[in-house]
Amino acid sequence: MDRFRGARLLSGLIAALTVLGTGIMLTNHDTGILTVYGLSNLKFFTVQSNLLVGIVHLLALLLPGRRLWLDRLSYVATTAVMLTFTVVVLFFGPSLGYGELFRGANLFFHLIIPLLAAAHLCVFLRNRPISMGETAAALIPTVLYGTYYTAVLLVRGVHFPEKDWYGFAAGGVVGSVITAAVILLVTLALALLLRLLSGGTARRRTLEKAGEGKH
């Protein structure tokens, strides 16, 4: 099996699992911790980041050849879902239990899709030089979500637990600032790690094919 076919097969699997996980989450009342019911699930970073990855890999299937802008977006989206995976494994897992966090749709969103997306980046997009500007851009989904989350808390108030669904404001203003800083640092660390593991630290070279130069 050549690399192109392998990349398309894995992209197809990721897109299919995203559709499956989204369907389960939107229609099933019992999909584990950190879920609600219906479209309200769209408020979670987990769901948003996985949908972004799913869209990226669906585009990879629909658009012929490799495109540089899509490779860049794949790097950004993969960083976002790996943040979901890391927070679940290191933060929520020990306190809430891995069995609950890897059940139902969250089995796909918290575990399988993030790891498949990382594998796709590191194997099939390997040795594509990634600039530090692109690495900084990988923080954009996290910054945008943090802005949205903060806006919800400011408008509705932290006294509504359903509005602080991750409990990040439980430590007050100081605790919230520390949490935000840690999450941004973890996101940056993940972006740098993915850059390293995918061979993105290599010097820039001539793009391999004309299709890769399309923006």
C-alpha atoms as a PDB file:
ATOM      1  CA  MET A   1       0.000   0.000   0.000  1.00  0.00           C
ATOM      2  CA  ASP A   2       1.472   3.382  -1.013  1.00  0.00           C
ATOM      3  CA  ARG A   3       1.525   6.390   1.289  1.00  0.00           C
ATOM      4  CA  PHE A   4      -1.163   8.263  -0.624  1.00  0.00           C
ATOM      5  CA  ARG A   5      -3.640   5.402  -0.370  1.00  0.00           C
ATOM      6  CA  GLY A   6      -2.766   4.855   3.284  1.00  0.00           C
ATOM      7  CA  ALA A   7      -3.308   8.535   4.041  1.00  0.00           C
ATOM      8  CA  ARG A   8      -6.709   8.495   2.334  1.00  0.00           C
ATOM      9  CA  LEU A   9      -7.786   5.342   4.165  1.00  0.00           C
ATOM     10  CA  LEU A  10      -6.849   6.813   7.528  1.00  0.00           C
ATOM     11  CA  SER A  11      -8.537  10.126   6.677  1.00  0.00           C
ATOM     12  CA  GLY A  12     -11.660   8.193   5.721  1.00  0.00           C
ATOM     13  CA  LEU A  13     -11.589   6.307   9.015  1.00  0.00           C
ATOM     14  CA  ILE A  14     -11.182   9.519  11.022  1.00  0.00           C
ATOM     15  CA  ALA A  15     -14.024  11.229   9.149  1.00  0.00           C
ATOM     16  CA  ALA A  16     -16.294   8.188   9.598  1.00  0.00           C
ATOM     17  CA  LEU A  17     -15.565   7.902  13.322  1.00  0.00           C
ATOM     18  CA  THR A  18     -16.259  11.621  13.734  1.00  0.00           C
ATOM     19  CA  VAL A  19     -19.671  11.184  12.119  1.00  0.00           C
ATOM     20  CA  LEU A  20     -20.351   8.099  14.244  1.00  0.00           C
ATOM     21  CA  GLY A  21     -19.271   9.760  17.487  1.00  0.00           C
ATOM     22  CA  THR A  22     -21.282  12.883  16.723  1.00  0.00           C
ATOM     23  CA  GLY A  23     -24.356  10.807  15.970  1.00  0.00           C
ATOM     24  CA  ILE A  24     -24.052   8.899  19.238  1.00  0.00           C
ATOM     25  CA  MET A  25     -23.504  12.064  21.246  1.00  0.00           C
ATOM     26  CA  LEU A  26     -26.427  13.950  19.712  1.00  0.00           C
ATOM     27  CA  THR A  27     -28.962  11.128  20.079  1.00  0.00           C
ATOM     28  CA  ASN A  28     -27.920   9.102  23.130  1.00  0.00           C
ATOM     29  CA  HIS A  29     -28.756  10.266  26.660  1.00  0.00           C
ATOM     30  CA  ASP A  30     -26.054   8.093  28.250  1.00  0.00           C
ATOM     31  CA  THR A  31     -22.664   8.718  26.673  1.00  0.00           C
ATOM     32  CA  GLY A  32     -20.572   9.253  29.777  1.00  0.00           C
ATOM     33  CA  ILE A  33     -19.258  12.122  31.871  1.00  0.00           C
ATOM     34  CA  LEU A  34     -18.812  15.590  30.351  1.00  0.00           C
ATOM     35  CA  THR A  35     -21.715  15.172  27.972  1.00  0.00           C
ATOM     36  CA  VAL A  36     -25.233  16.546  27.897  1.00  0.00           C
ATOM     37  CA  TYR A  37     -27.925  15.836  25.312  1.00  0.00           C
ATOM     38  CA  GLY A  38     -28.448  16.995  21.786  1.00  0.00           C
ATOM     39  CA  LEU A  39     -26.935  20.110  20.285  1.00  0.00           C
ATOM     40  CA  SER A  40     -25.890  21.357  23.746  1.00  0.00           C
ATOM     41  CA  ASN A  41     -22.854  19.080  23.364  1.00  0.00           C
ATOM     42  CA  LEU A  42     -21.467  21.561  20.858  1.00  0.00           C
ATOM     43  CA  LYS A  43     -20.408  23.780  23.758  1.00  0.00           C
ATOM     44  CA  PHE A  44     -17.601  21.355  24.672  1.00  0.00           C
ATOM     45  CA  PHE A  45     -14.078  21.882  23.331  1.00  0.00           C
ATOM     46  CA  THR A  46     -13.881  18.123  22.909  1.00  0.00           C
ATOM     47  CA  VAL A  47     -16.720  18.127  20.393  1.00  0.00           C
ATOM     48  CA  GLN A  48     -15.575  21.266  18.594  1.00  0.00           C
ATOM     49  CA  SER A  49     -11.987  20.074  18.194  1.00  0.00           C
ATOM     50  CA  ASN A  50     -13.068  16.643  16.969  1.00  0.00           C
ATOM     51  CA  LEU A  51     -15.475  18.180  14.466  1.00  0.00           C
ATOM     52  CA  LEU A  52     -12.617  20.344  13.189  1.00  0.00           C
ATOM     53  CA  VAL A  53     -10.444  17.256  12.703  1.00  0.00           C
ATOM     54  CA  GLY A  54     -13.312  15.415  11.027  1.00  0.00           C
ATOM     55  CA  ILE A  55     -13.890  18.294   8.590  1.00  0.00           C
ATOM     56  CA  VAL A  56     -10.171  18.484   7.780  1.00  0.00           C
ATOM     57  CA  HIS A  57      -9.987  14.793   6.946  1.00  0.00           C
ATOM     58  CA  LEU A  58     -13.223  14.902   4.976  1.00  0.00           C
ATOM     59  CA  LEU A  59     -11.722  17.714   2.883  1.00  0.00           C
ATOM     60  CA  ALA A  60      -8.597  15.595   2.429  1.00  0.00           C
ATOM     61  CA  LEU A  61     -10.807  12.925   0.880  1.00  0.00           C
ATOM     62  CA  LEU A  62     -12.757  15.307  -1.338  1.00  0.00           C
ATOM     63  CA  LEU A  63      -9.869  17.415  -2.651  1.00  0.00           C
ATOM     64  CA  PRO A  64      -7.410  15.734  -5.025  1.00  0.00           C
ATOM     65  CA  GLY A  65      -3.720  15.805  -4.147  1.00  0.00           C
ATOM     66  CA  ARG A  66      -2.050  17.381  -1.146  1.00  0.00           C
ATOM     67  CA  ARG A  67      -2.627  21.042  -0.431  1.00  0.00           C
ATOM     68  CA  LEU A  68      -0.361  23.079   1.780  1.00  0.00           C
ATOM     69  CA  TRP A  69      -3.184  25.012   3.461  1.00  0.00           C
ATOM     70  CA  LEU A  70      -4.941  21.753   4.341  1.00  0.00           C
ATOM     71  CA  ASP A  71      -1.736  20.278   5.773  1.00  0.00           C
ATOM     72  CA  ARG A  72      -1.407  23.373   7.948  1.00  0.00           C
ATOM     73  CA  LEU A  73      -5.008  23.122   9.083  1.00  0.00           C
ATOM     74  CA  SER A  74      -4.465  19.446   9.882  1.00  0.00           C
ATOM     75  CA  TYR A  75      -1.579  20.406  12.169  1.00  0.00           C
ATOM     76  CA  VAL A  76      -3.744  22.991  13.965  1.00  0.00           C
ATOM     77  CA  ALA A  77      -6.688  20.590  14.324  1.00  0.00           C
ATOM     78  CA  THR A  78      -4.492  17.722  15.522  1.00  0.00           C
ATOM     79  CA  THR A  79      -2.973  19.938  18.194  1.00  0.00           C
ATOM     80  CA  ALA A  80      -6.489  20.802  19.380  1.00  0.00           C
ATOM     81  CA  VAL A  81      -7.665  17.196  19.704  1.00  0.00           C
ATOM     82  CA  MET A  82      -4.418  16.192  21.369  1.00  0.00           C
ATOM     83  CA  LEU A  83      -5.124  18.882  23.962  1.00  0.00           C
ATOM     84  CA  THR A  84      -8.456  17.153  24.592  1.00  0.00           C
ATOM     85  CA  PHE A  85      -6.675  13.804  24.943  1.00  0.00           C
ATOM     86  CA  THR A  86      -4.009  15.228  27.275  1.00  0.00           C
ATOM     87  CA  VAL A  87      -6.468  17.031  29.576  1.00  0.00           C
ATOM     88  CA  VAL A  88      -8.594  13.883  29.829  1.00  0.00           C
ATOM     89  CA  VAL A  89      -5.639  11.608  30.559  1.00  0.00           C
ATOM     90  CA  LEU A  90      -3.800  13.874  33.000  1.00  0.00           C
ATOM     91  CA  PHE A  91      -6.543  15.955  34.600  1.00  0.00           C
ATOM     92  CA  PHE A  92     -10.066  14.554  34.325  1.00  0.00           C
ATOM     93  CA  GLY A  93      -9.135  10.876  34.211  1.00  0.00           C
ATOM     94  CA  PRO A  94      -7.598  10.584  37.698  1.00  0.00           C
ATOM     95  CA  SER A  95     -10.486  12.488  39.308  1.00  0.00           C
ATOM     96  CA  LEU A  96     -13.501  11.283  37.307  1.00  0.00           C
ATOM     97  CA  GLY A  97     -12.406   7.824  36.218  1.00  0.00           C
ATOM     98  CA  TYR A  98     -11.151   6.673  32.832  1.00  0.00           C
ATOM     99  CA  GLY A  99     -13.969   4.163  32.411  1.00  0.00           C
ATOM    100  CA  GLU A 100     -16.532   6.958  32.320  1.00  0.00           C
ATOM    101  CA  LEU A 101     -14.423   9.231  30.150  1.00  0.00           C
ATOM    102  CA  PHE A 102     -13.785   6.527  27.546  1.00  0.00           C
ATOM    103  CA  ARG A 103     -17.408   5.420  27.208  1.00  0.00           C
ATOM    104  CA  GLY A 104     -19.899   6.010  24.422  1.00  0.00           C
ATOM    105  CA  ALA A 105     -19.063   8.820  22.020  1.00  0.00           C
ATOM    106  CA  ASN A 106     -16.221   9.911  24.287  1.00  0.00           C
ATOM    107  CA  LEU A 107     -14.338   6.734  23.458  1.00  0.00           C
ATOM    108  CA  PHE A 108     -13.931   8.204  19.980  1.00  0.00           C
ATOM    109  CA  PHE A 109     -13.567  11.866  20.948  1.00  0.00           C
ATOM    110  CA  HIS A 110     -11.291  11.465  23.976  1.00  0.00           C
ATOM    111  CA  LEU A 111      -9.092   8.636  22.753  1.00  0.00           C
ATOM    112  CA  ILE A 112      -9.374   7.061  19.303  1.00  0.00           C
ATOM    113  CA  ILE A 113      -9.730  10.087  17.014  1.00  0.00           C
ATOM    114  CA  PRO A 114      -6.969  12.159  18.704  1.00  0.00           C
ATOM    115  CA  LEU A 115      -4.492   9.278  18.437  1.00  0.00           C
ATOM    116  CA  LEU A 116      -5.444   8.516  14.822  1.00  0.00           C
ATOM    117  CA  ALA A 117      -5.115  12.190  13.891  1.00  0.00           C
ATOM    118  CA  ALA A 118      -1.674  12.346  15.504  1.00  0.00           C
ATOM    119  CA  ALA A 119      -0.649   9.163  13.679  1.00  0.00           C
ATOM    120  CA  HIS A 120      -1.818  10.622  10.363  1.00  0.00           C
ATOM    121  CA  LEU A 121       0.185  13.806  10.922  1.00  0.00           C
ATOM    122  CA  CYS A 122       3.349  12.041  12.028  1.00  0.00           C
ATOM    123  CA  VAL A 123       3.299   9.299   9.382  1.00  0.00           C
ATOM    124  CA  PHE A 124       1.647  10.682   6.252  1.00  0.00           C
ATOM    125  CA  LEU A 125       2.492  14.378   6.566  1.00  0.00           C
ATOM    126  CA  ARG A 126       5.976  13.654   7.804  1.00  0.00           C
ATOM    127  CA  ASN A 127       8.907  15.947   7.017  1.00  0.00           C
ATOM    128  CA  ARG A 128       6.753  18.881   5.942  1.00  0.00           C
ATOM    129  CA  PRO A 129       8.599  21.854   7.460  1.00  0.00           C
ATOM    130  CA  ILE A 130       6.471  23.589  10.113  1.00  0.00           C
ATOM    131  CA  SER A 131       7.420  27.179  10.925  1.00  0.00           C
ATOM    132  CA  MET A 132       7.189  28.688  14.392  1.00  0.00           C
ATOM    133  CA  GLY A 133       4.433  30.889  12.982  1.00  0.00           C
ATOM    134  CA  GLU A 134       2.409  27.773  12.183  1.00  0.00           C
ATOM    135  CA  THR A 135       3.182  26.477  15.666  1.00  0.00           C
ATOM    136  CA  ALA A 136       1.811  29.698  17.147  1.00  0.00           C
ATOM    137  CA  ALA A 137      -1.264  29.357  14.919  1.00  0.00           C
ATOM    138  CA  ALA A 138      -1.921  25.951  16.491  1.00  0.00           C
ATOM    139  CA  LEU A 139      -2.932  27.829  19.649  1.00  0.00           C
ATOM    140  CA  ILE A 140      -5.782  29.639  17.874  1.00  0.00           C
ATOM    141  CA  PRO A 141      -8.560  27.074  18.608  1.00  0.00           C
ATOM    142  CA  THR A 142      -7.626  27.063  22.295  1.00  0.00           C
ATOM    143  CA  VAL A 143      -7.524  30.874  22.493  1.00  0.00           C
ATOM    144  CA  LEU A 144     -10.852  31.220  20.673  1.00  0.00           C
ATOM    145  CA  TYR A 145     -12.516  28.656  22.924  1.00  0.00           C
ATOM    146  CA  GLY A 146     -11.072  30.297  26.041  1.00  0.00           C
ATOM    147  CA  THR A 147     -12.485  33.626  24.890  1.00  0.00           C
ATOM    148  CA  TYR A 148     -15.906  32.057  24.323  1.00  0.00           C
ATOM    149  CA  TYR A 149     -15.833  30.257  27.699  1.00  0.00           C
ATOM    150  CA  THR A 150     -14.852  33.451  29.515  1.00  0.00           C
ATOM    151  CA  ALA A 151     -17.597  35.418  27.763  1.00  0.00           C
ATOM    152  CA  VAL A 152     -20.209  32.867  28.864  1.00  0.00           C
ATOM    153  CA  LEU A 153     -19.045  33.145  32.478  1.00  0.00           C
ATOM    154  CA  LEU A 154     -19.032  36.935  32.399  1.00  0.00           C
ATOM    155  CA  VAL A 155     -22.508  37.158  30.889  1.00  0.00           C
ATOM    156  CA  ARG A 156     -24.201  34.389  32.888  1.00  0.00           C
ATOM    157  CA  GLY A 157     -22.055  34.433  36.015  1.00  0.00           C
ATOM    158  CA  VAL A 158     -20.082  31.690  37.742  1.00  0.00           C
ATOM    159  CA  HIS A 159     -23.011  31.043  40.074  1.00  0.00           C
ATOM    160  CA  PHE A 160     -24.630  28.967  37.343  1.00  0.00           C
ATOM    161  CA  PRO A 161     -22.742  25.637  37.455  1.00  0.00           C
ATOM    162  CA  GLU A 162     -24.091  24.614  34.055  1.00  0.00           C
ATOM    163  CA  LYS A 163     -22.288  27.623  32.576  1.00  0.00           C
ATOM    164  CA  ASP A 164     -18.937  26.582  34.076  1.00  0.00           C
ATOM    165  CA  TRP A 165     -19.174  23.053  32.731  1.00  0.00           C
ATOM    166  CA  TYR A 166     -15.452  22.347  33.127  1.00  0.00           C
ATOM    167  CA  GLY A 167     -15.274  23.880  36.604  1.00  0.00           C
ATOM    168  CA  PHE A 168     -12.371  26.115  35.633  1.00  0.00           C
ATOM    169  CA  ALA A 169     -13.756  29.087  37.576  1.00  0.00           C
ATOM    170  CA  ALA A 170     -14.016  27.162  40.850  1.00  0.00           C
ATOM    171  CA  GLY A 171     -10.710  28.597  42.028  1.00  0.00           C
ATOM    172  CA  GLY A 172     -11.789  32.211  41.589  1.00  0.00           C
ATOM    173  CA  VAL A 173     -10.104  34.782  39.400  1.00  0.00           C
ATOM    174  CA  VAL A 174      -6.555  33.778  40.323  1.00  0.00           C
ATOM    175  CA  GLY A 175      -7.279  30.095  39.831  1.00  0.00           C
ATOM    176  CA  SER A 176      -8.919  30.783  36.477  1.00  0.00           C
ATOM    177  CA  VAL A 177      -5.918  32.775  35.248  1.00  0.00           C
ATOM    178  CA  ILE A 178      -3.540  30.016  36.339  1.00  0.00           C
ATOM    179  CA  THR A 179      -5.699  27.373  34.647  1.00  0.00           C
ATOM    180  CA  ALA A 180      -5.799  29.383  31.404  1.00  0.00           C
ATOM    181  CA  ALA A 181      -2.021  29.866  31.449  1.00  0.00           C
ATOM    182  CA  VAL A 182      -1.392  26.156  32.063  1.00  0.00           C
ATOM    183  CA  ILE A 183      -3.738  25.142  29.234  1.00  0.00           C
ATOM    184  CA  LEU A 184      -2.012  27.516  26.803  1.00  0.00           C
ATOM    185  CA  LEU A 185       1.411  26.208  27.823  1.00  0.00           C
ATOM    186  CA  VAL A 186       0.254  22.613  27.404  1.00  0.00           C
ATOM    187  CA  THR A 187      -1.158  23.466  23.973  1.00  0.00           C
ATOM    188  CA  LEU A 188       2.146  25.051  22.955  1.00  0.00           C
ATOM    189  CA  ALA A 189       4.065  22.032  24.259  1.00  0.00           C
ATOM    190  CA  LEU A 190       1.825  19.690  22.251  1.00  0.00           C
ATOM    191  CA  ALA A 191       2.260  21.792  19.112  1.00  0.00           C
ATOM    192  CA  LEU A 192       6.036  21.683  19.517  1.00  0.00           C
ATOM    193  CA  LEU A 193       5.981  17.942  20.210  1.00  0.00           C
ATOM    194  CA  LEU A 194       3.878  17.229  17.120  1.00  0.00           C
ATOM    195  CA  ARG A 195       6.187  19.465  15.095  1.00  0.00           C
ATOM    196  CA  LEU A 196       9.152  17.409  16.287  1.00  0.00           C
ATOM    197  CA  LEU A 197       7.556  13.975  15.855  1.00  0.00           C
ATOM    198  CA  SER A 198       6.294  14.795  12.355  1.00  0.00           C
ATOM    199  CA  GLY A 199       9.707  15.958  11.216  1.00  0.00           C
ATOM    200  CA  GLY A 200       8.492  19.531  10.958  1.00  0.00           C
ATOM    201  CA  THR A 201      11.734  20.900  12.370  1.00  0.00           C
ATOM    202  CA  ALA A 202      13.545  20.018   9.128  1.00  0.00           C
ATOM    203  CA  ARG A 203      14.785  22.904   7.030  1.00  0.00           C
ATOM    204  CA  ARG A 204      12.389  24.244   4.443  1.00  0.00           C
ATOM    205  CA  ARG A 205      12.769  22.593   1.097  1.00  0.00           C
ATOM    206  CA  THR A 206      11.133  22.772  -2.296  1.00  0.00           C
ATOM    207  CA  LEU A 207       7.550  21.525  -2.078  1.00  0.00           C
ATOM    208  CA  GLU A 208       7.336  18.068  -3.531  1.00  0.00           C
ATOM    209  CA  LYS A 209       4.433  18.438  -5.920  1.00  0.00           C
ATOM    210  CA  ALA A 210       2.591  21.263  -7.619  1.00  0.00           C
ATOM    211  CA  GLY A 211      -0.615  20.328  -5.785  1.00  0.00           C
ATOM    212  CA  GLU A 212       1.077  20.992  -2.477  1.00  0.00           C
ATOM    213  CA  GLY A 213       1.689  24.599  -3.411  1.00  0.00           C
ATOM    214  CA  LYS A 214      -2.012  25.423  -3.779  1.00  0.00           C
ATOM    215  CA  HIS A 215      -3.260  27.822  -1.096  1.00  0.00           C
END
